[in-house]
Amino acid sequence: MTALWIVLAVVVLLAVAVVVSYNRFVRQRNLVQESWRQVDVELKRRHDLIPNLVETVKGYATHEREVFDAVTKARAQAAAPGSTPAQQAQQEGILGQALGRLFAVAEAYPELKASTNFL
């Protein structure tokens, strides 16, 4: 009879451990999904600000058309929904490079840096 109680106690403890582990995994999965949603929100906000930057710089450096086209194309690709985190990271890298070229254009034109709209 004592052995039955011991076996029953072990089974109950194992069941409790399984339930606790499962709940922890679900909580961690939800935390990861929520974190990626926050990253998406920040990236969307970044993507929404890029057209304003491009329009401001365009007014001062109209002959640098290919840089503006590259930034616009990179933004469109980075803002496209449905990409995996790896694809999104690669697209953000391309966007960062395009923005770097845009900032290099800004550095090349001192009158552009003097504009309050650009700042």
N, C-alpha and C. Protein backbone atom coordinates (compact mmCIF):
# COMPACT_ATOMS: atom_id res chain seq x y z
N MET A 1 0.81 -1.18 0.00
CA MET A 1 0.00 0.00 0.00
C MET A 1 0.87 1.26 0.00
N THR A 2 1.96 1.23 0.75
CA THR A 2 2.86 2.38 0.81
C THR A 2 3.52 2.61 -0.54
N ALA A 3 3.86 1.53 -1.20
CA ALA A 3 4.49 1.65 -2.52
C ALA A 3 3.53 2.30 -3.52
N LEU A 4 2.25 2.01 -3.39
CA LEU A 4 1.26 2.62 -4.27
C LEU A 4 1.18 4.13 -4.05
N TRP A 5 1.23 4.55 -2.80
CA TRP A 5 1.22 5.99 -2.50
C TRP A 5 2.48 6.68 -3.02
N ILE A 6 3.58 6.01 -2.91
CA ILE A 6 4.84 6.59 -3.41
C ILE A 6 4.79 6.73 -4.93
N VAL A 7 4.34 5.71 -5.61
CA VAL A 7 4.22 5.76 -7.07
C VAL A 7 3.24 6.85 -7.48
N LEU A 8 2.12 6.94 -6.78
CA LEU A 8 1.12 7.96 -7.06
C LEU A 8 1.70 9.37 -6.84
N ALA A 9 2.48 9.56 -5.80
CA ALA A 9 3.09 10.86 -5.52
C ALA A 9 4.10 11.22 -6.62
N VAL A 10 4.88 10.24 -7.07
CA VAL A 10 5.85 10.49 -8.13
C VAL A 10 5.13 10.87 -9.43
N VAL A 11 4.05 10.17 -9.75
CA VAL A 11 3.28 10.46 -10.96
C VAL A 11 2.69 11.87 -10.88
N VAL A 12 2.15 12.25 -9.73
CA VAL A 12 1.58 13.59 -9.56
C VAL A 12 2.67 14.65 -9.69
N LEU A 13 3.83 14.41 -9.10
CA LEU A 13 4.93 15.37 -9.22
C LEU A 13 5.39 15.51 -10.67
N LEU A 14 5.47 14.41 -11.38
CA LEU A 14 5.84 14.47 -12.80
C LEU A 14 4.80 15.23 -13.61
N ALA A 15 3.53 14.99 -13.33
CA ALA A 15 2.47 15.70 -14.05
C ALA A 15 2.54 17.20 -13.78
N VAL A 16 2.79 17.58 -12.54
CA VAL A 16 2.91 19.00 -12.18
C VAL A 16 4.13 19.60 -12.90
N ALA A 17 5.24 18.88 -12.94
CA ALA A 17 6.44 19.37 -13.61
C ALA A 17 6.20 19.56 -15.10
N VAL A 18 5.47 18.65 -15.73
CA VAL A 18 5.15 18.77 -17.16
C VAL A 18 4.28 19.99 -17.41
N VAL A 19 3.27 20.21 -16.59
CA VAL A 19 2.38 21.36 -16.76
C VAL A 19 3.14 22.66 -16.56
N VAL A 20 3.98 22.72 -15.55
CA VAL A 20 4.76 23.93 -15.29
C VAL A 20 5.73 24.20 -16.45
N SER A 21 6.38 23.17 -16.95
CA SER A 21 7.30 23.33 -18.09
C SER A 21 6.56 23.80 -19.33
N TYR A 22 5.42 23.21 -19.61
CA TYR A 22 4.63 23.61 -20.77
C TYR A 22 4.22 25.07 -20.67
N ASN A 23 3.76 25.48 -19.50
CA ASN A 23 3.35 26.88 -19.30
C ASN A 23 4.54 27.82 -19.48
N ARG A 24 5.70 27.41 -19.03
CA ARG A 24 6.90 28.24 -19.20
C ARG A 24 7.26 28.37 -20.67
N PHE A 25 7.16 27.27 -21.43
CA PHE A 25 7.44 27.33 -22.87
C PHE A 25 6.45 28.24 -23.60
N VAL A 26 5.20 28.15 -23.25
CA VAL A 26 4.19 29.02 -23.88
C VAL A 26 4.47 30.48 -23.55
N ARG A 27 4.80 30.75 -22.31
CA ARG A 27 5.12 32.12 -21.90
C ARG A 27 6.33 32.66 -22.65
N GLN A 28 7.36 31.84 -22.81
CA GLN A 28 8.56 32.25 -23.54
C GLN A 28 8.26 32.47 -25.03
N ARG A 29 7.45 31.59 -25.62
CA ARG A 29 7.07 31.76 -27.02
C ARG A 29 6.31 33.07 -27.23
N ASN A 30 5.38 33.37 -26.33
CA ASN A 30 4.62 34.61 -26.42
C ASN A 30 5.53 35.83 -26.25
N LEU A 31 6.51 35.71 -25.37
CA LEU A 31 7.45 36.81 -25.17
C LEU A 31 8.28 37.07 -26.43
N VAL A 32 8.72 36.01 -27.09
CA VAL A 32 9.49 36.14 -28.33
C VAL A 32 8.62 36.78 -29.42
N GLN A 33 7.38 36.32 -29.55
CA GLN A 33 6.49 36.89 -30.57
C GLN A 33 6.22 38.37 -30.29
N GLU A 34 6.01 38.72 -29.04
CA GLU A 34 5.78 40.11 -28.68
C GLU A 34 7.01 40.97 -28.97
N SER A 35 8.18 40.43 -28.71
CA SER A 35 9.41 41.17 -28.99
C SER A 35 9.56 41.43 -30.48
N TRP A 36 9.26 40.43 -31.31
CA TRP A 36 9.35 40.65 -32.76
C TRP A 36 8.32 41.67 -33.23
N ARG A 37 7.15 41.69 -32.59
CA ARG A 37 6.15 42.70 -32.96
C ARG A 37 6.66 44.09 -32.63
N GLN A 38 7.37 44.23 -31.52
CA GLN A 38 7.93 45.53 -31.16
C GLN A 38 9.01 45.95 -32.17
N VAL A 39 9.81 44.99 -32.61
CA VAL A 39 10.82 45.29 -33.63
C VAL A 39 10.13 45.75 -34.91
N ASP A 40 9.06 45.07 -35.30
CA ASP A 40 8.32 45.46 -36.50
C ASP A 40 7.74 46.86 -36.38
N VAL A 41 7.24 47.21 -35.20
CA VAL A 41 6.69 48.56 -34.99
C VAL A 41 7.78 49.61 -35.17
N GLU A 42 8.93 49.37 -34.57
CA GLU A 42 10.03 50.34 -34.69
C GLU A 42 10.53 50.45 -36.13
N LEU A 43 10.62 49.32 -36.82
CA LEU A 43 11.06 49.36 -38.21
C LEU A 43 10.05 50.09 -39.09
N LYS A 44 8.76 49.87 -38.83
CA LYS A 44 7.74 50.59 -39.61
C LYS A 44 7.83 52.08 -39.36
N ARG A 45 8.06 52.47 -38.12
CA ARG A 45 8.21 53.89 -37.82
C ARG A 45 9.42 54.47 -38.55
N ARG A 46 10.49 53.71 -38.59
CA ARG A 46 11.69 54.15 -39.31
C ARG A 46 11.39 54.29 -40.80
N HIS A 47 10.68 53.30 -41.34
CA HIS A 47 10.35 53.33 -42.76
C HIS A 47 9.43 54.50 -43.10
N ASP A 48 8.56 54.87 -42.18
CA ASP A 48 7.66 55.99 -42.42
C ASP A 48 8.38 57.33 -42.41
N LEU A 49 9.52 57.43 -41.75
CA LEU A 49 10.26 58.68 -41.69
C LEU A 49 11.18 58.89 -42.90
N ILE A 50 11.52 57.82 -43.59
CA ILE A 50 12.47 57.93 -44.70
C ILE A 50 11.97 58.81 -45.83
N PRO A 51 10.69 58.72 -46.27
CA PRO A 51 10.25 59.60 -47.37
C PRO A 51 10.42 61.09 -47.04
N ASN A 52 10.21 61.48 -45.80
CA ASN A 52 10.41 62.88 -45.42
C ASN A 52 11.88 63.28 -45.60
N LEU A 53 12.78 62.41 -45.20
CA LEU A 53 14.21 62.69 -45.35
C LEU A 53 14.59 62.80 -46.82
N VAL A 54 14.08 61.88 -47.62
CA VAL A 54 14.40 61.89 -49.05
C VAL A 54 13.88 63.17 -49.70
N GLU A 55 12.66 63.56 -49.40
CA GLU A 55 12.08 64.77 -50.00
C GLU A 55 12.87 66.02 -49.60
N THR A 56 13.32 66.07 -48.37
CA THR A 56 14.09 67.23 -47.92
C THR A 56 15.41 67.33 -48.66
N VAL A 57 16.11 66.20 -48.75
CA VAL A 57 17.41 66.20 -49.40
C VAL A 57 17.24 66.40 -50.92
N LYS A 58 16.16 65.89 -51.48
CA LYS A 58 15.91 66.01 -52.91
C LYS A 58 15.86 67.47 -53.35
N GLY A 59 15.30 68.31 -52.51
CA GLY A 59 15.20 69.72 -52.85
C GLY A 59 16.54 70.39 -53.00
N TYR A 60 17.56 69.90 -52.36
CA TYR A 60 18.88 70.51 -52.40
C TYR A 60 19.83 69.84 -53.37
N ALA A 61 19.64 68.56 -53.63
CA ALA A 61 20.59 67.83 -54.46
C ALA A 61 19.85 67.02 -55.53
N THR A 62 19.24 67.72 -56.45
CA THR A 62 18.43 67.04 -57.45
C THR A 62 19.24 66.17 -58.40
N HIS A 63 20.52 66.43 -58.57
CA HIS A 63 21.33 65.66 -59.49
C HIS A 63 21.80 64.33 -58.91
N GLU A 64 21.51 64.04 -57.66
CA GLU A 64 21.89 62.76 -57.03
C GLU A 64 20.70 61.79 -57.08
N ARG A 65 20.09 61.68 -58.22
CA ARG A 65 18.85 60.92 -58.40
C ARG A 65 19.02 59.45 -58.05
N GLU A 66 20.12 58.81 -58.43
CA GLU A 66 20.27 57.37 -58.19
C GLU A 66 20.32 57.04 -56.70
N VAL A 67 20.86 57.93 -55.89
CA VAL A 67 20.89 57.70 -54.45
C VAL A 67 19.46 57.70 -53.90
N PHE A 68 18.65 58.65 -54.35
CA PHE A 68 17.28 58.72 -53.87
C PHE A 68 16.47 57.50 -54.33
N ASP A 69 16.71 57.09 -55.56
CA ASP A 69 16.02 55.90 -56.06
C ASP A 69 16.42 54.66 -55.27
N ALA A 70 17.70 54.54 -54.93
CA ALA A 70 18.18 53.39 -54.15
C ALA A 70 17.56 53.38 -52.76
N VAL A 71 17.46 54.54 -52.13
CA VAL A 71 16.86 54.62 -50.80
C VAL A 71 15.38 54.26 -50.87
N THR A 72 14.69 54.79 -51.85
CA THR A 72 13.26 54.50 -51.99
C THR A 72 13.02 53.02 -52.25
N LYS A 73 13.83 52.42 -53.11
CA LYS A 73 13.69 51.00 -53.42
C LYS A 73 14.00 50.14 -52.19
N ALA A 74 15.06 50.49 -51.47
CA ALA A 74 15.44 49.73 -50.27
C ALA A 74 14.37 49.84 -49.20
N ARG A 75 13.77 51.03 -49.06
CA ARG A 75 12.70 51.21 -48.08
C ARG A 75 11.49 50.36 -48.43
N ALA A 76 11.14 50.32 -49.71
CA ALA A 76 9.99 49.53 -50.15
C ALA A 76 10.21 48.05 -49.87
N GLN A 77 11.42 47.57 -50.11
CA GLN A 77 11.72 46.16 -49.84
C GLN A 77 11.72 45.87 -48.34
N ALA A 78 12.27 46.78 -47.56
CA ALA A 78 12.35 46.55 -46.11
C ALA A 78 10.98 46.64 -45.46
N ALA A 79 10.09 47.46 -46.01
CA ALA A 79 8.77 47.63 -45.41
C ALA A 79 7.78 46.58 -45.88
N ALA A 80 8.17 45.73 -46.82
CA ALA A 80 7.28 44.70 -47.33
C ALA A 80 6.96 43.68 -46.24
N PRO A 81 5.68 43.37 -46.05
CA PRO A 81 5.31 42.42 -44.99
C PRO A 81 5.60 40.98 -45.41
N GLY A 82 5.61 40.10 -44.41
CA GLY A 82 5.72 38.68 -44.66
C GLY A 82 7.11 38.13 -44.81
N SER A 83 8.11 38.86 -44.40
CA SER A 83 9.47 38.32 -44.52
C SER A 83 9.90 37.70 -43.19
N THR A 84 10.82 36.76 -43.28
CA THR A 84 11.35 36.12 -42.08
C THR A 84 12.32 37.07 -41.40
N PRO A 85 12.65 36.82 -40.14
CA PRO A 85 13.63 37.69 -39.47
C PRO A 85 14.96 37.77 -40.21
N ALA A 86 15.42 36.69 -40.82
CA ALA A 86 16.69 36.72 -41.55
C ALA A 86 16.58 37.59 -42.79
N GLN A 87 15.47 37.46 -43.53
CA GLN A 87 15.26 38.31 -44.71
C GLN A 87 15.12 39.76 -44.30
N GLN A 88 14.42 39.98 -43.20
CA GLN A 88 14.22 41.34 -42.72
C GLN A 88 15.56 41.96 -42.32
N ALA A 89 16.42 41.20 -41.70
CA ALA A 89 17.74 41.71 -41.31
C ALA A 89 18.56 42.06 -42.55
N GLN A 90 18.48 41.21 -43.58
CA GLN A 90 19.23 41.48 -44.81
C GLN A 90 18.69 42.74 -45.48
N GLN A 91 17.37 42.89 -45.53
CA GLN A 91 16.77 44.07 -46.15
C GLN A 91 17.10 45.33 -45.36
N GLU A 92 17.14 45.23 -44.04
CA GLU A 92 17.52 46.38 -43.23
C GLU A 92 18.98 46.76 -43.46
N GLY A 93 19.83 45.77 -43.71
CA GLY A 93 21.22 46.06 -44.03
C GLY A 93 21.35 46.82 -45.33
N ILE A 94 20.58 46.42 -46.33
CA ILE A 94 20.59 47.12 -47.61
C ILE A 94 20.07 48.53 -47.43
N LEU A 95 19.02 48.69 -46.63
CA LEU A 95 18.46 50.02 -46.36
C LEU A 95 19.49 50.88 -45.63
N GLY A 96 20.19 50.31 -44.68
CA GLY A 96 21.22 51.06 -43.96
C GLY A 96 22.33 51.54 -44.88
N GLN A 97 22.73 50.69 -45.84
CA GLN A 97 23.76 51.10 -46.80
C GLN A 97 23.26 52.24 -47.67
N ALA A 98 22.00 52.15 -48.11
CA ALA A 98 21.44 53.21 -48.96
C ALA A 98 21.34 54.52 -48.18
N LEU A 99 20.94 54.43 -46.92
CA LEU A 99 20.88 55.64 -46.10
C LEU A 99 22.27 56.21 -45.85
N GLY A 100 23.27 55.35 -45.75
CA GLY A 100 24.64 55.83 -45.60
C GLY A 100 25.09 56.63 -46.81
N ARG A 101 24.72 56.15 -48.00
CA ARG A 101 25.04 56.92 -49.21
C ARG A 101 24.29 58.25 -49.23
N LEU A 102 23.04 58.23 -48.72
CA LEU A 102 22.27 59.48 -48.66
C LEU A 102 22.94 60.47 -47.71
N PHE A 103 23.42 59.98 -46.59
CA PHE A 103 24.10 60.87 -45.65
C PHE A 103 25.44 61.36 -46.21
N ALA A 104 26.08 60.52 -47.04
CA ALA A 104 27.32 60.96 -47.69
C ALA A 104 27.03 62.10 -48.66
N VAL A 105 25.89 62.04 -49.34
CA VAL A 105 25.48 63.13 -50.22
C VAL A 105 25.27 64.39 -49.39
N ALA A 106 24.66 64.23 -48.23
CA ALA A 106 24.42 65.39 -47.37
C ALA A 106 25.73 66.00 -46.90
N GLU A 107 26.72 65.16 -46.61
CA GLU A 107 28.02 65.68 -46.18
C GLU A 107 28.74 66.41 -47.30
N ALA A 108 28.47 66.02 -48.54
CA ALA A 108 29.14 66.64 -49.67
C ALA A 108 28.61 68.04 -49.97
N TYR A 109 27.47 68.38 -49.43
CA TYR A 109 26.85 69.68 -49.73
C TYR A 109 26.67 70.46 -48.43
N PRO A 110 27.58 71.39 -48.13
CA PRO A 110 27.50 72.14 -46.87
C PRO A 110 26.21 72.96 -46.76
N GLU A 111 25.69 73.46 -47.87
CA GLU A 111 24.46 74.24 -47.79
C GLU A 111 23.28 73.36 -47.38
N LEU A 112 23.39 72.06 -47.65
CA LEU A 112 22.34 71.13 -47.23
C LEU A 112 22.34 70.99 -45.71
N LYS A 113 23.52 70.93 -45.12
CA LYS A 113 23.60 70.81 -43.66
C LYS A 113 23.09 72.07 -42.97
N ALA A 114 23.15 73.20 -43.66
CA ALA A 114 22.70 74.46 -43.06
C ALA A 114 21.18 74.56 -43.07
N SER A 115 20.50 73.73 -43.81
CA SER A 115 19.04 73.79 -43.90
C SER A 115 18.40 73.27 -42.62
N THR A 116 17.48 74.03 -42.07
CA THR A 116 16.79 73.58 -40.86
C THR A 116 15.87 72.41 -41.17
N ASN A 117 15.33 72.34 -42.39
CA ASN A 117 14.49 71.19 -42.75
C ASN A 117 15.29 69.91 -42.74
N PHE A 118 16.52 69.96 -43.25
CA PHE A 118 17.35 68.76 -43.28
C PHE A 118 17.72 68.33 -41.87
N LEU A 119 18.06 69.30 -41.01
CA LEU A 119 18.42 68.95 -39.65
C LEU A 119 17.24 68.36 -38.93
